[in-house]
Amino acid sequence: MRRVKVLLSVLVVGLFVGSYAFATGQPEGTAAKTGNIRIALVVKNLGNSFFDAVHDGGVEAAKELGNVDVIYQGPSTPTAEGQISIIDSLIAQKVDAIAISANDPNALVPIAKKAMAAGIKVISFDSGVAADGRELHLAASGDELIGRSEVQAIGQMINYTGEIAILSASSQATNQNAWIEWMKKELQDPKYANMKLDAVVYGDDLNDKSYNEAMGLFKSYPNLKGIISPTTVGIAATAKALEDAGLAGKIQLTGLGLPSQMKQYITDGTCKEMELWNPIDLGYSAVMIAYDLVKGNITTVNPGDSFKAGRMGDIKVGDGDVAVMSTPFVFDASNIDKFASIY
């Protein structure tokens, strides 16, 4: 009889603990609060190698700081709705800061405002949340620099003559749209007088859709000479489409890609060169900045302000409370092996 009472007591205690965890918004599989500063990285979608590298950088910063837990979350597909649900859960968990790479700049504003009203520091990185929904946006590089350099690269590849197209990610992606606007401005330079932008298409950062969009460009524009794909998923899918269609070397390709995914295509000449920043540095900088906001080390975020971000050095704030981390880096056959082993 005594053994039965003990078992019943254990069961009651277990039910109480479980009920308490549920009531406090602590979802199954989430670590209990440790007393450390908890910073959430909310990415566009899981299973994306670029954001896996961002996570690695965030973990590096957390280890360096010593009292930070990094929570890495994202929807299975890159939708604003999925991110909204995740952020709502993070608010319930009472995290200290949220850094978001937005699938839609405006759709996330209400939930981001809710997080800030709850005392959570909110920044965006990579792809920005609209200004009302965050305290700071960390840009991997300057929009103008990226957009112009992409056009400069494809121009050199096709000798500044011929038709080109752009294969982007989501039509709502803040960063993609900003880069494309600068690409169009760069194309207004007289040196591109013999180049024509045929189309901008969207693969939604999904492999199959990006591949099919590339194939559609080949059919719709038989005189196409070059494609710019400023998205890691899109450029890899386009490279595969070029090879499958027997057009590698006939249609030039550049954009923003992961070295590990693009190594074979750069090595065999399907893509002569591409650009990207280091996503490890991006995750590292985002966590460093979020930490300093939580700790009160950053008290103002205004154009002209600057702050230190660990090994990344000083990061300066520009117009629109946008801080630029660094310039994009060019990958080609001379260095792809080295960087493909890193990310």
C-alpha atoms as a PDB file:
ATOM      1  CA  MET A   1       0.000   0.000   0.000  1.00  0.00           C
ATOM      2  CA  ARG A   2       2.838   2.373   0.872  1.00  0.00           C
ATOM      3  CA  ARG A   3       4.453   1.660  -2.522  1.00  0.00           C
ATOM      4  CA  VAL A   4       1.214   2.620  -4.273  1.00  0.00           C
ATOM      5  CA  LYS A   5       1.083   5.941  -2.380  1.00  0.00           C
ATOM      6  CA  VAL A   6       4.662   6.736  -3.360  1.00  0.00           C
ATOM      7  CA  LEU A   7       3.913   6.036  -6.989  1.00  0.00           C
ATOM      8  CA  LEU A   8       0.826   8.237  -6.869  1.00  0.00           C
ATOM      9  CA  SER A   9       2.852  11.051  -5.306  1.00  0.00           C
ATOM     10  CA  VAL A  10       5.468  10.835  -8.033  1.00  0.00           C
ATOM     11  CA  LEU A  11       2.725  10.904 -10.677  1.00  0.00           C
ATOM     12  CA  VAL A  12       1.085  13.983  -9.141  1.00  0.00           C
ATOM     13  CA  VAL A  13       4.418  15.831  -8.952  1.00  0.00           C
ATOM     14  CA  GLY A  14       5.169  14.898 -12.576  1.00  0.00           C
ATOM     15  CA  LEU A  15       1.793  16.180 -13.727  1.00  0.00           C
ATOM     16  CA  PHE A  16       2.320  19.430 -11.814  1.00  0.00           C
ATOM     17  CA  VAL A  17       5.737  20.010 -13.336  1.00  0.00           C
ATOM     18  CA  GLY A  18       4.440  19.233 -16.820  1.00  0.00           C
ATOM     19  CA  SER A  19       1.481  21.567 -16.348  1.00  0.00           C
ATOM     20  CA  TYR A  20       3.808  24.345 -15.123  1.00  0.00           C
ATOM     21  CA  ALA A  21       6.060  23.980 -18.162  1.00  0.00           C
ATOM     22  CA  PHE A  22       3.090  24.197 -20.480  1.00  0.00           C
ATOM     23  CA  ALA A  23       1.588  27.172 -18.637  1.00  0.00           C
ATOM     24  CA  THR A  24       4.806  29.179 -18.878  1.00  0.00           C
ATOM     25  CA  GLY A  25       5.014  28.672 -22.615  1.00  0.00           C
ATOM     26  CA  GLN A  26       8.019  26.349 -22.463  1.00  0.00           C
ATOM     27  CA  PRO A  27       7.474  24.076 -25.501  1.00  0.00           C
ATOM     28  CA  GLU A  28       8.554  20.484 -25.643  1.00  0.00           C
ATOM     29  CA  GLY A  29      12.207  20.118 -26.567  1.00  0.00           C
ATOM     30  CA  THR A  30      13.162  23.642 -25.445  1.00  0.00           C
ATOM     31  CA  ALA A  31      15.844  23.919 -22.790  1.00  0.00           C
ATOM     32  CA  ALA A  32      14.787  25.426 -19.484  1.00  0.00           C
ATOM     33  CA  LYS A  33      15.956  28.964 -18.740  1.00  0.00           C
ATOM     34  CA  THR A  34      19.549  28.838 -17.532  1.00  0.00           C
ATOM     35  CA  GLY A  35      20.039  32.383 -16.295  1.00  0.00           C
ATOM     36  CA  ASN A  36      22.056  33.173 -19.416  1.00  0.00           C
ATOM     37  CA  ILE A  37      21.019  35.815 -21.927  1.00  0.00           C
ATOM     38  CA  ARG A  38      18.902  34.036 -24.538  1.00  0.00           C
ATOM     39  CA  ILE A  39      19.200  35.283 -28.104  1.00  0.00           C
ATOM     40  CA  ALA A  40      17.026  33.768 -30.833  1.00  0.00           C
ATOM     41  CA  LEU A  41      18.129  33.644 -34.455  1.00  0.00           C
ATOM     42  CA  VAL A  42      14.969  33.404 -36.573  1.00  0.00           C
ATOM     43  CA  VAL A  43      15.991  32.529 -40.124  1.00  0.00           C
ATOM     44  CA  LYS A  44      14.044  32.369 -43.366  1.00  0.00           C
ATOM     45  CA  ASN A  45      13.856  28.591 -43.341  1.00  0.00           C
ATOM     46  CA  LEU A  46      15.604  25.573 -41.902  1.00  0.00           C
ATOM     47  CA  GLY A  47      17.654  23.251 -44.100  1.00  0.00           C
ATOM     48  CA  ASN A  48      19.360  26.244 -45.753  1.00  0.00           C
ATOM     49  CA  SER A  49      23.156  25.919 -45.657  1.00  0.00           C
ATOM     50  CA  PHE A  50      23.645  29.679 -45.549  1.00  0.00           C
ATOM     51  CA  PHE A  51      21.652  29.972 -42.340  1.00  0.00           C
ATOM     52  CA  ASP A  52      23.303  26.896 -40.857  1.00  0.00           C
ATOM     53  CA  ALA A  53      26.562  28.831 -41.218  1.00  0.00           C
ATOM     54  CA  VAL A  54      24.890  31.885 -39.638  1.00  0.00           C
ATOM     55  CA  HIS A  55      24.026  29.642 -36.686  1.00  0.00           C
ATOM     56  CA  ASP A  56      27.646  28.516 -36.402  1.00  0.00           C
ATOM     57  CA  GLY A  57      28.724  32.153 -36.163  1.00  0.00           C
ATOM     58  CA  GLY A  58      26.120  32.851 -33.517  1.00  0.00           C
ATOM     59  CA  VAL A  59      27.334  29.916 -31.447  1.00  0.00           C
ATOM     60  CA  GLU A  60      30.908  31.189 -31.798  1.00  0.00           C
ATOM     61  CA  ALA A  61      29.865  34.590 -30.417  1.00  0.00           C
ATOM     62  CA  ALA A  62      27.936  32.953 -27.581  1.00  0.00           C
ATOM     63  CA  LYS A  63      30.986  30.943 -26.542  1.00  0.00           C
ATOM     64  CA  GLU A  64      33.148  34.050 -26.663  1.00  0.00           C
ATOM     65  CA  LEU A  65      30.697  36.019 -24.529  1.00  0.00           C
ATOM     66  CA  GLY A  66      30.312  33.137 -22.102  1.00  0.00           C
ATOM     67  CA  ASN A  67      26.811  33.765 -20.753  1.00  0.00           C
ATOM     68  CA  VAL A  68      24.651  33.488 -23.877  1.00  0.00           C
ATOM     69  CA  ASP A  69      22.356  30.757 -25.146  1.00  0.00           C
ATOM     70  CA  VAL A  70      21.553  30.857 -28.880  1.00  0.00           C
ATOM     71  CA  ILE A  71      18.134  29.579 -29.974  1.00  0.00           C
ATOM     72  CA  TYR A  72      18.096  28.754 -33.691  1.00  0.00           C
ATOM     73  CA  GLN A  73      14.666  28.533 -35.326  1.00  0.00           C
ATOM     74  CA  GLY A  74      12.973  28.957 -38.684  1.00  0.00           C
ATOM     75  CA  PRO A  75       9.970  27.625 -40.610  1.00  0.00           C
ATOM     76  CA  SER A  76      10.279  24.585 -42.852  1.00  0.00           C
ATOM     77  CA  THR A  77       9.454  26.759 -45.875  1.00  0.00           C
ATOM     78  CA  PRO A  78      10.327  30.460 -46.228  1.00  0.00           C
ATOM     79  CA  THR A  79       7.038  32.142 -45.297  1.00  0.00           C
ATOM     80  CA  ALA A  80       6.187  35.132 -43.125  1.00  0.00           C
ATOM     81  CA  GLU A  81       3.404  33.129 -41.486  1.00  0.00           C
ATOM     82  CA  GLY A  82       5.874  30.529 -40.278  1.00  0.00           C
ATOM     83  CA  GLN A  83       8.159  33.183 -38.811  1.00  0.00           C
ATOM     84  CA  ILE A  84       5.257  34.951 -37.098  1.00  0.00           C
ATOM     85  CA  SER A  85       4.281  31.733 -35.310  1.00  0.00           C
ATOM     86  CA  ILE A  86       7.862  31.172 -34.173  1.00  0.00           C
ATOM     87  CA  ILE A  87       8.290  34.731 -32.884  1.00  0.00           C
ATOM     88  CA  ASP A  88       5.013  34.493 -30.985  1.00  0.00           C
ATOM     89  CA  SER A  89       6.353  31.379 -29.251  1.00  0.00           C
ATOM     90  CA  LEU A  90       9.634  33.127 -28.444  1.00  0.00           C
ATOM     91  CA  ILE A  91       7.712  35.997 -26.841  1.00  0.00           C
ATOM     92  CA  ALA A  92       5.930  33.468 -24.622  1.00  0.00           C
ATOM     93  CA  GLN A  93       9.318  31.995 -23.685  1.00  0.00           C
ATOM     94  CA  LYS A  94      10.494  35.498 -22.674  1.00  0.00           C
ATOM     95  CA  VAL A  95      13.757  35.411 -24.597  1.00  0.00           C
ATOM     96  CA  ASP A  96      15.988  38.447 -24.242  1.00  0.00           C
ATOM     97  CA  ALA A  97      16.577  39.238 -27.914  1.00  0.00           C
ATOM     98  CA  ILE A  98      15.423  38.131 -31.363  1.00  0.00           C
ATOM     99  CA  ALA A  99      17.433  38.574 -34.567  1.00  0.00           C
ATOM    100  CA  ILE A 100      15.344  37.988 -37.699  1.00  0.00           C
ATOM    101  CA  SER A 101      16.112  37.414 -41.376  1.00  0.00           C
ATOM    102  CA  ALA A 102      12.705  38.398 -42.719  1.00  0.00           C
ATOM    103  CA  ASN A 103      10.684  36.609 -45.365  1.00  0.00           C
ATOM    104  CA  ASP A 104       8.469  39.697 -45.614  1.00  0.00           C
ATOM    105  CA  PRO A 105       9.518  43.126 -44.281  1.00  0.00           C
ATOM    106  CA  ASN A 106       6.052  44.416 -43.455  1.00  0.00           C
ATOM    107  CA  ALA A 107       4.154  41.302 -42.421  1.00  0.00           C
ATOM    108  CA  LEU A 108       6.503  40.788 -39.476  1.00  0.00           C
ATOM    109  CA  VAL A 109       6.132  44.308 -38.067  1.00  0.00           C
ATOM    110  CA  PRO A 110       3.104  43.645 -35.784  1.00  0.00           C
ATOM    111  CA  ILE A 111       4.637  40.574 -34.140  1.00  0.00           C
ATOM    112  CA  ALA A 112       8.008  42.299 -33.850  1.00  0.00           C
ATOM    113  CA  LYS A 113       6.314  45.265 -32.166  1.00  0.00           C
ATOM    114  CA  LYS A 114       4.653  42.844 -29.769  1.00  0.00           C
ATOM    115  CA  ALA A 115       8.077  41.421 -28.917  1.00  0.00           C
ATOM    116  CA  MET A 116       9.550  44.877 -28.299  1.00  0.00           C
ATOM    117  CA  ALA A 117       6.557  45.838 -26.153  1.00  0.00           C
ATOM    118  CA  ALA A 118       7.357  42.765 -24.046  1.00  0.00           C
ATOM    119  CA  GLY A 119      10.866  44.114 -23.431  1.00  0.00           C
ATOM    120  CA  ILE A 120      12.619  41.929 -26.004  1.00  0.00           C
ATOM    121  CA  LYS A 121      15.354  43.516 -28.104  1.00  0.00           C
ATOM    122  CA  VAL A 122      14.596  42.992 -31.799  1.00  0.00           C
ATOM    123  CA  ILE A 123      16.998  43.411 -34.697  1.00  0.00           C
ATOM    124  CA  SER A 124      16.957  42.119 -38.237  1.00  0.00           C
ATOM    125  CA  PHE A 125      19.871  40.840 -40.290  1.00  0.00           C
ATOM    126  CA  ASP A 126      20.449  39.745 -43.882  1.00  0.00           C
ATOM    127  CA  SER A 127      16.853  40.505 -44.968  1.00  0.00           C
ATOM    128  CA  GLY A 128      15.351  43.373 -43.015  1.00  0.00           C
ATOM    129  CA  VAL A 129      12.181  43.910 -41.071  1.00  0.00           C
ATOM    130  CA  ALA A 130      10.651  47.331 -41.808  1.00  0.00           C
ATOM    131  CA  ALA A 131      11.992  50.076 -39.543  1.00  0.00           C
ATOM    132  CA  ASP A 132       8.957  50.147 -37.211  1.00  0.00           C
ATOM    133  CA  GLY A 133       9.522  46.503 -36.327  1.00  0.00           C
ATOM    134  CA  ARG A 134      13.143  46.546 -35.159  1.00  0.00           C
ATOM    135  CA  GLU A 135      15.780  48.615 -33.420  1.00  0.00           C
ATOM    136  CA  LEU A 136      18.520  48.005 -35.965  1.00  0.00           C
ATOM    137  CA  HIS A 137      19.105  46.185 -39.230  1.00  0.00           C
ATOM    138  CA  LEU A 138      22.452  44.483 -39.819  1.00  0.00           C
ATOM    139  CA  ALA A 139      23.190  44.348 -43.528  1.00  0.00           C
ATOM    140  CA  ALA A 140      25.824  41.866 -44.610  1.00  0.00           C
ATOM    141  CA  SER A 141      26.953  44.440 -47.139  1.00  0.00           C
ATOM    142  CA  GLY A 142      25.642  47.656 -48.666  1.00  0.00           C
ATOM    143  CA  ASP A 143      22.688  47.291 -51.025  1.00  0.00           C
ATOM    144  CA  GLU A 144      24.202  49.627 -53.589  1.00  0.00           C
ATOM    145  CA  LEU A 145      27.576  47.906 -53.533  1.00  0.00           C
ATOM    146  CA  ILE A 146      26.026  44.459 -53.983  1.00  0.00           C
ATOM    147  CA  GLY A 147      23.633  45.455 -56.752  1.00  0.00           C
ATOM    148  CA  ARG A 148      26.205  47.338 -58.769  1.00  0.00           C
ATOM    149  CA  SER A 149      28.936  44.722 -58.352  1.00  0.00           C
ATOM    150  CA  GLU A 150      26.646  41.944 -59.602  1.00  0.00           C
ATOM    151  CA  VAL A 151      25.955  43.847 -62.823  1.00  0.00           C
ATOM    152  CA  GLN A 152      29.631  44.723 -63.191  1.00  0.00           C
ATOM    153  CA  ALA A 153      30.519  41.039 -62.911  1.00  0.00           C
ATOM    154  CA  ILE A 154      28.025  39.810 -65.506  1.00  0.00           C
ATOM    155  CA  GLY A 155      28.970  42.714 -67.785  1.00  0.00           C
ATOM    156  CA  GLN A 156      32.592  41.650 -67.798  1.00  0.00           C
ATOM    157  CA  MET A 157      31.613  38.021 -68.431  1.00  0.00           C
ATOM    158  CA  ILE A 158      29.548  38.828 -71.551  1.00  0.00           C
ATOM    159  CA  ASN A 159      31.788  41.651 -72.779  1.00  0.00           C
ATOM    160  CA  TYR A 160      29.026  44.192 -72.058  1.00  0.00           C
ATOM    161  CA  THR A 161      26.886  42.891 -74.910  1.00  0.00           C
ATOM    162  CA  GLY A 162      23.705  40.809 -74.863  1.00  0.00           C
ATOM    163  CA  GLU A 163      20.537  39.958 -72.972  1.00  0.00           C
ATOM    164  CA  ILE A 164      20.513  39.134 -69.256  1.00  0.00           C
ATOM    165  CA  ALA A 165      17.969  38.046 -66.652  1.00  0.00           C
ATOM    166  CA  ILE A 166      17.726  37.992 -62.869  1.00  0.00           C
ATOM    167  CA  LEU A 167      16.591  34.928 -60.922  1.00  0.00           C
ATOM    168  CA  SER A 168      15.769  36.125 -57.423  1.00  0.00           C
ATOM    169  CA  ALA A 169      14.352  34.571 -54.252  1.00  0.00           C
ATOM    170  CA  SER A 170      10.973  35.736 -52.936  1.00  0.00           C
ATOM    171  CA  SER A 171       9.347  38.775 -54.512  1.00  0.00           C
ATOM    172  CA  GLN A 172       8.833  40.093 -50.959  1.00  0.00           C
ATOM    173  CA  ALA A 173      12.443  39.626 -49.775  1.00  0.00           C
ATOM    174  CA  THR A 174      13.706  43.023 -48.634  1.00  0.00           C
ATOM    175  CA  ASN A 175      17.339  42.493 -49.512  1.00  0.00           C
ATOM    176  CA  GLN A 176      16.687  40.934 -52.919  1.00  0.00           C
ATOM    177  CA  ASN A 177      14.453  43.809 -53.988  1.00  0.00           C
ATOM    178  CA  ALA A 178      16.943  46.430 -52.831  1.00  0.00           C
ATOM    179  CA  TRP A 179      19.782  44.748 -54.745  1.00  0.00           C
ATOM    180  CA  ILE A 180      17.686  44.458 -57.886  1.00  0.00           C
ATOM    181  CA  GLU A 181      16.847  48.170 -57.793  1.00  0.00           C
ATOM    182  CA  TRP A 182      20.569  48.968 -57.669  1.00  0.00           C
ATOM    183  CA  MET A 183      21.212  46.503 -60.494  1.00  0.00           C
ATOM    184  CA  LYS A 184      18.731  48.416 -62.630  1.00  0.00           C
ATOM    185  CA  LYS A 185      20.394  51.715 -61.726  1.00  0.00           C
ATOM    186  CA  GLU A 186      23.819  50.333 -62.620  1.00  0.00           C
ATOM    187  CA  LEU A 187      22.480  49.181 -65.977  1.00  0.00           C
ATOM    188  CA  GLN A 188      21.655  52.808 -66.798  1.00  0.00           C
ATOM    189  CA  ASP A 189      25.370  53.553 -67.097  1.00  0.00           C
ATOM    190  CA  PRO A 190      26.298  54.129 -70.786  1.00  0.00           C
ATOM    191  CA  LYS A 191      28.822  51.295 -70.694  1.00  0.00           C
ATOM    192  CA  TYR A 192      25.862  48.861 -70.553  1.00  0.00           C
ATOM    193  CA  ALA A 193      24.174  50.374 -73.602  1.00  0.00           C
ATOM    194  CA  ASN A 194      24.484  47.074 -75.479  1.00  0.00           C
ATOM    195  CA  MET A 195      23.011  45.016 -72.635  1.00  0.00           C
ATOM    196  CA  LYS A 196      19.312  44.407 -72.027  1.00  0.00           C
ATOM    197  CA  LEU A 197      17.523  43.103 -68.925  1.00  0.00           C
ATOM    198  CA  ASP A 198      14.867  40.719 -70.234  1.00  0.00           C
ATOM    199  CA  ALA A 199      13.176  39.586 -67.035  1.00  0.00           C
ATOM    200  CA  VAL A 200      13.229  39.230 -63.252  1.00  0.00           C
ATOM    201  CA  VAL A 201      11.837  35.893 -62.044  1.00  0.00           C
ATOM    202  CA  TYR A 202      11.432  34.411 -58.572  1.00  0.00           C
ATOM    203  CA  GLY A 203      12.310  30.942 -57.301  1.00  0.00           C
ATOM    204  CA  ASP A 204      11.215  31.608 -53.693  1.00  0.00           C
ATOM    205  CA  ASP A 205      14.493  30.111 -52.408  1.00  0.00           C
ATOM    206  CA  LEU A 206      13.194  26.650 -53.281  1.00  0.00           C
ATOM    207  CA  ASN A 207      15.449  24.355 -55.320  1.00  0.00           C
ATOM    208  CA  ASP A 208      12.804  22.901 -57.629  1.00  0.00           C
ATOM    209  CA  LYS A 209      11.065  26.189 -58.335  1.00  0.00           C
ATOM    210  CA  SER A 210      14.367  28.006 -58.954  1.00  0.00           C
ATOM    211  CA  TYR A 211      15.470  25.228 -61.326  1.00  0.00           C
ATOM    212  CA  ASN A 212      12.185  25.420 -63.237  1.00  0.00           C
ATOM    213  CA  GLU A 213      12.345  29.222 -63.420  1.00  0.00           C
ATOM    214  CA  ALA A 214      15.848  28.968 -64.912  1.00  0.00           C
ATOM    215  CA  MET A 215      14.644  26.456 -67.495  1.00  0.00           C
ATOM    216  CA  GLY A 216      11.795  28.831 -68.307  1.00  0.00           C
ATOM    217  CA  LEU A 217      14.257  31.647 -68.955  1.00  0.00           C
ATOM    218  CA  PHE A 218      16.209  29.500 -71.414  1.00  0.00           C
ATOM    219  CA  LYS A 219      13.036  28.804 -73.401  1.00  0.00           C
ATOM    220  CA  SER A 220      11.552  32.304 -73.223  1.00  0.00           C
ATOM    221  CA  TYR A 221      14.762  34.119 -74.151  1.00  0.00           C
ATOM    222  CA  PRO A 222      16.795  32.068 -76.635  1.00  0.00           C
ATOM    223  CA  ASN A 223      19.353  34.881 -77.013  1.00  0.00           C
ATOM    224  CA  LEU A 224      20.066  35.068 -73.300  1.00  0.00           C
ATOM    225  CA  LYS A 225      23.751  35.653 -72.534  1.00  0.00           C
ATOM    226  CA  GLY A 226      23.836  35.962 -68.757  1.00  0.00           C
ATOM    227  CA  ILE A 227      21.929  35.346 -65.516  1.00  0.00           C
ATOM    228  CA  ILE A 228      22.363  37.019 -62.144  1.00  0.00           C
ATOM    229  CA  SER A 229      20.996  35.012 -59.217  1.00  0.00           C
ATOM    230  CA  PRO A 230      21.570  36.858 -55.927  1.00  0.00           C
ATOM    231  CA  THR A 231      20.417  33.957 -53.764  1.00  0.00           C
ATOM    232  CA  THR A 232      22.354  30.903 -52.594  1.00  0.00           C
ATOM    233  CA  VAL A 233      19.546  28.510 -53.491  1.00  0.00           C
ATOM    234  CA  GLY A 234      18.844  30.147 -56.843  1.00  0.00           C
ATOM    235  CA  ILE A 235      22.403  30.303 -58.152  1.00  0.00           C
ATOM    236  CA  ALA A 236      23.037  26.608 -57.433  1.00  0.00           C
ATOM    237  CA  ALA A 237      19.731  25.603 -59.022  1.00  0.00           C
ATOM    238  CA  THR A 238      20.489  27.772 -62.063  1.00  0.00           C
ATOM    239  CA  ALA A 239      23.952  26.241 -62.441  1.00  0.00           C
ATOM    240  CA  LYS A 240      22.432  22.752 -62.458  1.00  0.00           C
ATOM    241  CA  ALA A 241      19.810  23.851 -64.979  1.00  0.00           C
ATOM    242  CA  LEU A 242      22.522  25.257 -67.252  1.00  0.00           C
ATOM    243  CA  GLU A 243      24.409  21.962 -67.202  1.00  0.00           C
ATOM    244  CA  ASP A 244      21.286  19.859 -67.680  1.00  0.00           C
ATOM    245  CA  ALA A 245      20.239  22.014 -70.647  1.00  0.00           C
ATOM    246  CA  GLY A 246      23.716  21.879 -72.196  1.00  0.00           C
ATOM    247  CA  LEU A 247      24.104  25.649 -71.858  1.00  0.00           C
ATOM    248  CA  ALA A 248      27.031  25.796 -69.433  1.00  0.00           C
ATOM    249  CA  GLY A 249      29.542  28.290 -70.825  1.00  0.00           C
ATOM    250  CA  LYS A 250      27.025  29.586 -73.371  1.00  0.00           C
ATOM    251  CA  ILE A 251      25.007  31.501 -70.807  1.00  0.00           C
ATOM    252  CA  GLN A 252      27.171  33.123 -68.137  1.00  0.00           C
ATOM    253  CA  LEU A 253      26.173  32.958 -64.485  1.00  0.00           C
ATOM    254  CA  THR A 254      27.010  35.010 -61.420  1.00  0.00           C
ATOM    255  CA  GLY A 255      25.287  35.917 -58.170  1.00  0.00           C
ATOM    256  CA  LEU A 256      25.541  35.210 -54.476  1.00  0.00           C
ATOM    257  CA  GLY A 257      26.351  31.607 -53.583  1.00  0.00           C
ATOM    258  CA  LEU A 258      27.760  29.307 -50.938  1.00  0.00           C
ATOM    259  CA  PRO A 259      31.266  28.088 -51.821  1.00  0.00           C
ATOM    260  CA  SER A 260      30.466  24.527 -50.702  1.00  0.00           C
ATOM    261  CA  GLN A 261      27.421  24.344 -52.984  1.00  0.00           C
ATOM    262  CA  MET A 262      29.050  26.080 -55.939  1.00  0.00           C
ATOM    263  CA  LYS A 263      32.507  24.492 -55.910  1.00  0.00           C
ATOM    264  CA  GLN A 264      31.808  22.027 -58.735  1.00  0.00           C
ATOM    265  CA  TYR A 265      30.194  24.717 -60.910  1.00  0.00           C
ATOM    266  CA  ILE A 266      33.051  27.173 -60.446  1.00  0.00           C
ATOM    267  CA  THR A 267      35.641  24.455 -60.981  1.00  0.00           C
ATOM    268  CA  ASP A 268      34.068  23.314 -64.265  1.00  0.00           C
ATOM    269  CA  GLY A 269      33.439  26.865 -65.498  1.00  0.00           C
ATOM    270  CA  THR A 270      29.638  26.898 -65.372  1.00  0.00           C
ATOM    271  CA  CYS A 271      29.959  29.879 -63.038  1.00  0.00           C
ATOM    272  CA  LYS A 272      33.219  31.764 -63.501  1.00  0.00           C
ATOM    273  CA  GLU A 273      32.822  33.875 -60.380  1.00  0.00           C
ATOM    274  CA  MET A 274      30.296  34.798 -57.710  1.00  0.00           C
ATOM    275  CA  GLU A 275      30.131  36.854 -54.548  1.00  0.00           C
ATOM    276  CA  LEU A 276      29.054  36.454 -50.951  1.00  0.00           C
ATOM    277  CA  TRP A 277      29.835  37.650 -47.481  1.00  0.00           C
ATOM    278  CA  ASN A 278      30.781  35.253 -44.783  1.00  0.00           C
ATOM    279  CA  PRO A 279      27.553  34.000 -43.137  1.00  0.00           C
ATOM    280  CA  ILE A 280      29.560  32.886 -40.118  1.00  0.00           C
ATOM    281  CA  ASP A 281      30.582  36.521 -39.610  1.00  0.00           C
ATOM    282  CA  LEU A 282      26.957  37.585 -40.073  1.00  0.00           C
ATOM    283  CA  GLY A 283      25.647  35.293 -37.332  1.00  0.00           C
ATOM    284  CA  TYR A 284      28.555  36.249 -35.097  1.00  0.00           C
ATOM    285  CA  SER A 285      27.888  39.988 -35.554  1.00  0.00           C
ATOM    286  CA  ALA A 286      24.117  39.620 -35.052  1.00  0.00           C
ATOM    287  CA  VAL A 287      24.572  37.868 -31.709  1.00  0.00           C
ATOM    288  CA  MET A 288      27.229  40.366 -30.597  1.00  0.00           C
ATOM    289  CA  ILE A 289      24.953  43.307 -31.391  1.00  0.00           C
ATOM    290  CA  ALA A 290      21.894  41.713 -29.788  1.00  0.00           C
ATOM    291  CA  TYR A 291      23.929  40.989 -26.659  1.00  0.00           C
ATOM    292  CA  ASP A 292      25.121  44.602 -26.369  1.00  0.00           C
ATOM    293  CA  LEU A 293      21.551  45.865 -26.775  1.00  0.00           C
ATOM    294  CA  VAL A 294      20.358  43.573 -23.991  1.00  0.00           C
ATOM    295  CA  LYS A 295      23.223  44.597 -21.706  1.00  0.00           C
ATOM    296  CA  GLY A 296      22.726  48.293 -22.412  1.00  0.00           C
ATOM    297  CA  ASN A 297      26.163  48.648 -24.008  1.00  0.00           C
ATOM    298  CA  ILE A 298      24.450  50.114 -27.079  1.00  0.00           C
ATOM    299  CA  THR A 299      22.236  52.977 -25.947  1.00  0.00           C
ATOM    300  CA  THR A 300      21.593  54.799 -29.216  1.00  0.00           C
ATOM    301  CA  VAL A 301      21.141  53.607 -32.788  1.00  0.00           C
ATOM    302  CA  ASN A 302      21.422  56.638 -35.023  1.00  0.00           C
ATOM    303  CA  PRO A 303      23.195  57.364 -38.319  1.00  0.00           C
ATOM    304  CA  GLY A 304      26.853  57.969 -37.550  1.00  0.00           C
ATOM    305  CA  ASP A 305      26.917  55.806 -34.425  1.00  0.00           C
ATOM    306  CA  SER A 306      29.400  52.934 -34.340  1.00  0.00           C
ATOM    307  CA  PHE A 307      29.974  50.022 -32.024  1.00  0.00           C
ATOM    308  CA  LYS A 308      32.378  47.158 -31.699  1.00  0.00           C
ATOM    309  CA  ALA A 309      31.350  43.634 -32.645  1.00  0.00           C
ATOM    310  CA  GLY A 310      34.113  41.432 -31.315  1.00  0.00           C
ATOM    311  CA  ARG A 311      36.570  40.249 -33.955  1.00  0.00           C
ATOM    312  CA  MET A 312      34.570  42.085 -36.663  1.00  0.00           C
ATOM    313  CA  GLY A 313      35.726  45.414 -35.271  1.00  0.00           C
ATOM    314  CA  ASP A 314      33.721  48.619 -35.603  1.00  0.00           C
ATOM    315  CA  ILE A 315      30.351  48.494 -37.363  1.00  0.00           C
ATOM    316  CA  LYS A 316      28.871  51.835 -38.350  1.00  0.00           C
ATOM    317  CA  VAL A 317      25.206  52.788 -38.505  1.00  0.00           C
ATOM    318  CA  GLY A 318      23.963  54.503 -41.644  1.00  0.00           C
ATOM    319  CA  ASP A 319      20.636  55.891 -42.816  1.00  0.00           C
ATOM    320  CA  GLY A 320      17.508  54.053 -41.717  1.00  0.00           C
ATOM    321  CA  ASP A 321      19.341  52.585 -38.719  1.00  0.00           C
ATOM    322  CA  VAL A 322      21.072  50.130 -41.051  1.00  0.00           C
ATOM    323  CA  ALA A 323      24.554  48.923 -40.088  1.00  0.00           C
ATOM    324  CA  VAL A 324      26.781  47.483 -42.814  1.00  0.00           C
ATOM    325  CA  MET A 325      28.981  44.584 -41.759  1.00  0.00           C
ATOM    326  CA  SER A 326      31.433  44.332 -44.669  1.00  0.00           C
ATOM    327  CA  THR A 327      31.920  44.303 -48.457  1.00  0.00           C
ATOM    328  CA  PRO A 328      31.081  41.199 -50.525  1.00  0.00           C
ATOM    329  CA  PHE A 329      33.893  38.802 -51.363  1.00  0.00           C
ATOM    330  CA  VAL A 330      34.586  37.368 -54.836  1.00  0.00           C
ATOM    331  CA  PHE A 331      34.939  33.594 -55.246  1.00  0.00           C
ATOM    332  CA  ASP A 332      36.486  32.074 -58.359  1.00  0.00           C
ATOM    333  CA  ALA A 333      38.638  29.112 -59.379  1.00  0.00           C
ATOM    334  CA  SER A 334      41.641  30.549 -57.551  1.00  0.00           C
ATOM    335  CA  ASN A 335      40.083  30.383 -54.073  1.00  0.00           C
ATOM    336  CA  ILE A 336      36.977  28.196 -54.184  1.00  0.00           C
ATOM    337  CA  ASP A 337      38.674  25.092 -52.767  1.00  0.00           C
ATOM    338  CA  LYS A 338      39.766  26.938 -49.656  1.00  0.00           C
ATOM    339  CA  PHE A 339      36.386  28.450 -48.842  1.00  0.00           C
ATOM    340  CA  ALA A 340      34.310  25.419 -49.855  1.00  0.00           C
ATOM    341  CA  SER A 341      35.878  23.549 -46.940  1.00  0.00           C
ATOM    342  CA  ILE A 342      34.621  26.252 -44.534  1.00  0.00           C
ATOM    343  CA  TYR A 343      31.001  26.838 -45.591  1.00  0.00           C
END
